[in-house]
C-alpha atoms as a PDB file:
ATOM      1  CA  MET A   1      88.689  37.343  67.893  1.00  0.00           C
ATOM      2  CA  LYS A   2      85.505  35.270  68.599  1.00  0.00           C
ATOM      3  CA  ASN A   3      83.289  38.429  67.663  1.00  0.00           C
ATOM      4  CA  ILE A   4      85.174  38.694  64.492  1.00  0.00           C
ATOM      5  CA  ILE A   5      84.432  34.962  63.755  1.00  0.00           C
ATOM      6  CA  ASN A   6      80.649  35.275  64.427  1.00  0.00           C
ATOM      7  CA  LYS A   7      80.540  38.342  61.944  1.00  0.00           C
ATOM      8  CA  PHE A   8      82.360  36.165  59.192  1.00  0.00           C
ATOM      9  CA  VAL A   9      80.291  33.238  59.592  1.00  0.00           C
ATOM     10  CA  LEU A  10      76.884  35.342  59.657  1.00  0.00           C
ATOM     11  CA  ILE A  11      78.438  37.508  56.696  1.00  0.00           C
ATOM     12  CA  THR A  12      78.962  34.563  54.724  1.00  0.00           C
ATOM     13  CA  LEU A  13      75.700  32.614  55.654  1.00  0.00           C
ATOM     14  CA  PHE A  14      73.619  35.833  54.595  1.00  0.00           C
ATOM     15  CA  ALA A  15      75.975  36.060  51.377  1.00  0.00           C
ATOM     16  CA  LEU A  16      75.211  32.099  50.906  1.00  0.00           C
ATOM     17  CA  SER A  17      71.151  32.730  51.464  1.00  0.00           C
ATOM     18  CA  VAL A  18      71.398  35.521  48.565  1.00  0.00           C
ATOM     19  CA  ILE A  19      73.365  33.918  46.171  1.00  0.00           C
ATOM     20  CA  THR A  20      71.842  30.238  46.726  1.00  0.00           C
ATOM     21  CA  THR A  21      68.238  31.509  45.242  1.00  0.00           C
ATOM     22  CA  SER A  22      69.869  30.357  41.788  1.00  0.00           C
ATOM     23  CA  SER A  23      71.105  27.426  43.268  1.00  0.00           C
ATOM     24  CA  ALA A  24      69.615  25.187  45.657  1.00  0.00           C
ATOM     25  CA  GLU A  25      73.069  24.604  47.907  1.00  0.00           C
ATOM     26  CA  ASN A  26      76.455  25.003  47.089  1.00  0.00           C
ATOM     27  CA  MET A  27      77.900  21.918  48.408  1.00  0.00           C
ATOM     28  CA  LYS A  28      79.357  19.018  46.426  1.00  0.00           C
ATOM     29  CA  LYS A  29      79.851  15.405  47.508  1.00  0.00           C
ATOM     30  CA  ILE A  30      83.041  14.101  46.572  1.00  0.00           C
ATOM     31  CA  ASP A  31      83.953  10.514  47.558  1.00  0.00           C
ATOM     32  CA  GLY A  32      83.814  10.739  51.412  1.00  0.00           C
ATOM     33  CA  LEU A  33      84.266  14.832  51.217  1.00  0.00           C
ATOM     34  CA  ASN A  34      81.648  17.155  51.327  1.00  0.00           C
ATOM     35  CA  VAL A  35      82.745  20.152  49.736  1.00  0.00           C
ATOM     36  CA  HIS A  36      80.935  23.458  50.577  1.00  0.00           C
ATOM     37  CA  TYR A  37      82.052  26.873  48.122  1.00  0.00           C
ATOM     38  CA  ILE A  38      80.787  30.285  48.123  1.00  0.00           C
ATOM     39  CA  ALA A  39      81.833  33.034  45.565  1.00  0.00           C
ATOM     40  CA  LEU A  40      80.763  36.304  46.365  1.00  0.00           C
ATOM     41  CA  GLY A  41      82.036  39.940  46.209  1.00  0.00           C
ATOM     42  CA  SER A  42      84.232  41.072  48.412  1.00  0.00           C
ATOM     43  CA  ALA A  43      82.794  44.253  49.073  1.00  0.00           C
ATOM     44  CA  PHE A  44      79.935  42.527  51.541  1.00  0.00           C
ATOM     45  CA  LEU A  45      82.844  41.902  53.817  1.00  0.00           C
ATOM     46  CA  THR A  46      82.960  44.473  56.767  1.00  0.00           C
ATOM     47  CA  PRO A  47      86.109  46.458  56.789  1.00  0.00           C
ATOM     48  CA  GLU A  48      87.049  44.955  60.297  1.00  0.00           C
ATOM     49  CA  ILE A  49      86.393  41.236  58.609  1.00  0.00           C
ATOM     50  CA  ALA A  50      88.548  42.013  55.647  1.00  0.00           C
ATOM     51  CA  LYS A  51      91.053  43.797  57.303  1.00  0.00           C
ATOM     52  CA  ALA A  52      91.159  40.783  60.289  1.00  0.00           C
ATOM     53  CA  TYR A  53      91.523  38.240  57.445  1.00  0.00           C
ATOM     54  CA  GLY A  54      93.915  40.166  55.093  1.00  0.00           C
ATOM     55  CA  ILE A  55      91.139  40.529  52.098  1.00  0.00           C
ATOM     56  CA  GLU A  56      91.019  43.332  49.725  1.00  0.00           C
ATOM     57  CA  ARG A  57      87.712  44.852  49.948  1.00  0.00           C
ATOM     58  CA  SER A  58      86.539  45.893  46.321  1.00  0.00           C
ATOM     59  CA  ARG A  59      83.525  45.910  44.063  1.00  0.00           C
ATOM     60  CA  TYR A  60      85.846  44.302  41.498  1.00  0.00           C
ATOM     61  CA  LYS A  61      87.078  41.175  43.770  1.00  0.00           C
ATOM     62  CA  VAL A  62      85.303  37.966  44.306  1.00  0.00           C
ATOM     63  CA  LEU A  63      86.204  36.414  47.756  1.00  0.00           C
ATOM     64  CA  VAL A  64      86.290  32.449  47.130  1.00  0.00           C
ATOM     65  CA  ASN A  65      85.430  30.477  50.440  1.00  0.00           C
ATOM     66  CA  ILE A  66      86.329  26.712  50.481  1.00  0.00           C
ATOM     67  CA  SER A  67      85.337  24.213  53.447  1.00  0.00           C
ATOM     68  CA  VAL A  68      85.887  20.549  53.268  1.00  0.00           C
ATOM     69  CA  LEU A  69      84.124  18.269  55.630  1.00  0.00           C
ATOM     70  CA  ASP A  70      84.673  14.168  56.186  1.00  0.00           C
ATOM     71  CA  ASN A  71      81.562  13.051  55.700  1.00  0.00           C
ATOM     72  CA  THR A  72      82.626   9.205  56.784  1.00  0.00           C
ATOM     73  CA  GLN A  73      83.344  10.335  60.082  1.00  0.00           C
ATOM     74  CA  ALA A  74      80.364  11.433  63.014  1.00  0.00           C
ATOM     75  CA  GLY A  75      79.559  14.965  63.165  1.00  0.00           C
ATOM     76  CA  ASN A  76      81.552  15.533  59.466  1.00  0.00           C
ATOM     77  CA  PRO A  77      84.595  17.417  60.837  1.00  0.00           C
ATOM     78  CA  SER A  78      86.312  19.759  59.102  1.00  0.00           C
ATOM     79  CA  LYS A  79      89.212  18.486  56.911  1.00  0.00           C
ATOM     80  CA  THR A  80      92.864  20.100  56.549  1.00  0.00           C
ATOM     81  CA  VAL A  81      93.643  19.500  52.478  1.00  0.00           C
ATOM     82  CA  PHE A  82      95.756  20.944  49.757  1.00  0.00           C
ATOM     83  CA  ILE A  83      93.679  23.224  47.591  1.00  0.00           C
ATOM     84  CA  ASN A  84      94.892  25.117  44.387  1.00  0.00           C
ATOM     85  CA  GLY A  85      92.833  26.436  41.257  1.00  0.00           C
ATOM     86  CA  LYS A  86      92.189  28.457  38.636  1.00  0.00           C
ATOM     87  CA  ALA A  87      89.770  31.066  37.514  1.00  0.00           C
ATOM     88  CA  ARG A  88      88.647  31.892  33.942  1.00  0.00           C
ATOM     89  CA  ASN A  89      86.359  34.194  32.337  1.00  0.00           C
ATOM     90  CA  ASP A  90      84.234  34.471  29.005  1.00  0.00           C
ATOM     91  CA  VAL A  91      86.936  35.731  26.711  1.00  0.00           C
ATOM     92  CA  GLY A  92      89.407  33.012  28.331  1.00  0.00           C
ATOM     93  CA  GLN A  93      91.394  35.203  30.495  1.00  0.00           C
ATOM     94  CA  ILE A  94      92.779  32.685  33.471  1.00  0.00           C
ATOM     95  CA  LYS A  95      93.836  33.426  36.708  1.00  0.00           C
ATOM     96  CA  SER A  96      95.622  31.077  39.117  1.00  0.00           C
ATOM     97  CA  LEU A  97      93.720  31.102  42.682  1.00  0.00           C
ATOM     98  CA  GLU A  98      96.090  31.700  45.822  1.00  0.00           C
ATOM     99  CA  PHE A  99      94.519  29.756  48.512  1.00  0.00           C
ATOM    100  CA  THR A 100      94.878  30.841  52.210  1.00  0.00           C
ATOM    101  CA  GLU A 101      93.877  28.456  55.042  1.00  0.00           C
ATOM    102  CA  VAL A 102      92.514  29.576  57.873  1.00  0.00           C
ATOM    103  CA  LYS A 103      92.089  27.400  61.214  1.00  0.00           C
ATOM    104  CA  GLU A 104      89.569  28.588  63.733  1.00  0.00           C
ATOM    105  CA  GLY A 105      88.970  26.213  66.317  1.00  0.00           C
ATOM    106  CA  ASP A 106      87.733  23.027  64.498  1.00  0.00           C
ATOM    107  CA  ALA A 107      86.976  25.101  61.441  1.00  0.00           C
ATOM    108  CA  VAL A 108      89.200  24.796  58.595  1.00  0.00           C
ATOM    109  CA  TYR A 109      88.205  26.986  55.558  1.00  0.00           C
ATOM    110  CA  TYR A 110      90.414  28.288  52.232  1.00  0.00           C
ATOM    111  CA  LEU A 111      90.212  31.957  51.061  1.00  0.00           C
ATOM    112  CA  ALA A 112      91.005  33.036  47.377  1.00  0.00           C
ATOM    113  CA  GLN A 113      90.504  36.000  45.298  1.00  0.00           C
ATOM    114  CA  VAL A 114      90.030  37.113  42.099  1.00  0.00           C
ATOM    115  CA  SER A 115      89.070  40.187  40.079  1.00  0.00           C
ATOM    116  CA  TYR A 116      86.063  40.433  37.814  1.00  0.00           C
ATOM    117  CA  THR A 117      84.250  43.294  35.495  1.00  0.00           C
ATOM    118  CA  ASN A 118      80.495  44.194  35.793  1.00  0.00           C
ATOM    119  CA  LYS A 119      78.483  41.387  34.294  1.00  0.00           C
ATOM    120  CA  GLU A 120      81.372  38.847  34.116  1.00  0.00           C
ATOM    121  CA  THR A 121      80.678  34.983  34.476  1.00  0.00           C
ATOM    122  CA  ILE A 122      83.840  33.332  36.126  1.00  0.00           C
ATOM    123  CA  TYR A 123      84.355  29.317  35.946  1.00  0.00           C
ATOM    124  CA  PHE A 124      86.350  28.156  38.695  1.00  0.00           C
ATOM    125  CA  ASP A 125      88.254  25.115  38.449  1.00  0.00           C
ATOM    126  CA  ILE A 126      89.496  24.145  42.070  1.00  0.00           C
ATOM    127  CA  ASN A 127      91.563  20.833  42.622  1.00  0.00           C
ATOM    128  CA  ILE A 128      91.044  19.736  46.025  1.00  0.00           C
ATOM    129  CA  THR A 129      94.209  16.620  47.311  1.00  0.00           C
ATOM    130  CA  ASP A 130      93.147  14.821  50.217  1.00  0.00           C
ATOM    131  CA  LYS A 131      95.620  12.483  51.433  1.00  0.00           C
ATOM    132  CA  GLY A 132      97.330  11.888  47.827  1.00  0.00           C
ATOM    133  CA  LYS A 133      93.739  11.751  46.167  1.00  0.00           C
ATOM    134  CA  GLN A 134      92.836  14.566  44.098  1.00  0.00           C
ATOM    135  CA  HIS A 135      89.183  15.737  43.530  1.00  0.00           C
ATOM    136  CA  ASN A 136      87.891  18.453  41.344  1.00  0.00           C
ATOM    137  CA  LEU A 137      85.252  21.234  41.792  1.00  0.00           C
ATOM    138  CA  LYS A 138      83.864  23.333  39.012  1.00  0.00           C
ATOM    139  CA  PHE A 139      81.365  25.853  39.366  1.00  0.00           C
ATOM    140  CA  SER A 140      80.641  29.410  37.446  1.00  0.00           C
ATOM    141  CA  GLN A 141      79.013  32.280  38.535  1.00  0.00           C
ATOM    142  CA  LYS A 142      78.080  35.796  37.162  1.00  0.00           C
ATOM    143  CA  PHE A 143      79.112  38.728  38.744  1.00  0.00           C
ATOM    144  CA  TYR A 144      77.995  42.540  39.097  1.00  0.00           C
ATOM    145  CA  VAL A 145      79.505  45.499  40.084  1.00  0.00           C
ATOM    146  CA  ASP A 146      77.435  46.997  42.385  1.00  0.00           C
END
């Protein structure tokens, strides 16, 4: 299992390095939180990783990965929060994002998937609730079918 975790982290980091060529860093500071986020085509994942996390691999599916860190504590530990959100495309179709919490050791992250078509921009509107306080993360990204 640890091998799968390492592969997932490496794939996410690789995808992040590819995607961040257009945006310097996919992190937003919100009050005492550092919210790290990435959205990538799920076809980038290996079949083993997709199976281990229950992710559908498809040229038409986006995987959204959110991680929330507490920047008020030394070492910025992961935080358990409540996350929900919506994804909207250019023609105004809205899809609910169903996040699954994944805990592995001290790491906590949230995964969701949404469908897209070629050259489609998806606008993400994500709500993060921490200790009863709501925070909002908005970002958009254009996706291509490989």
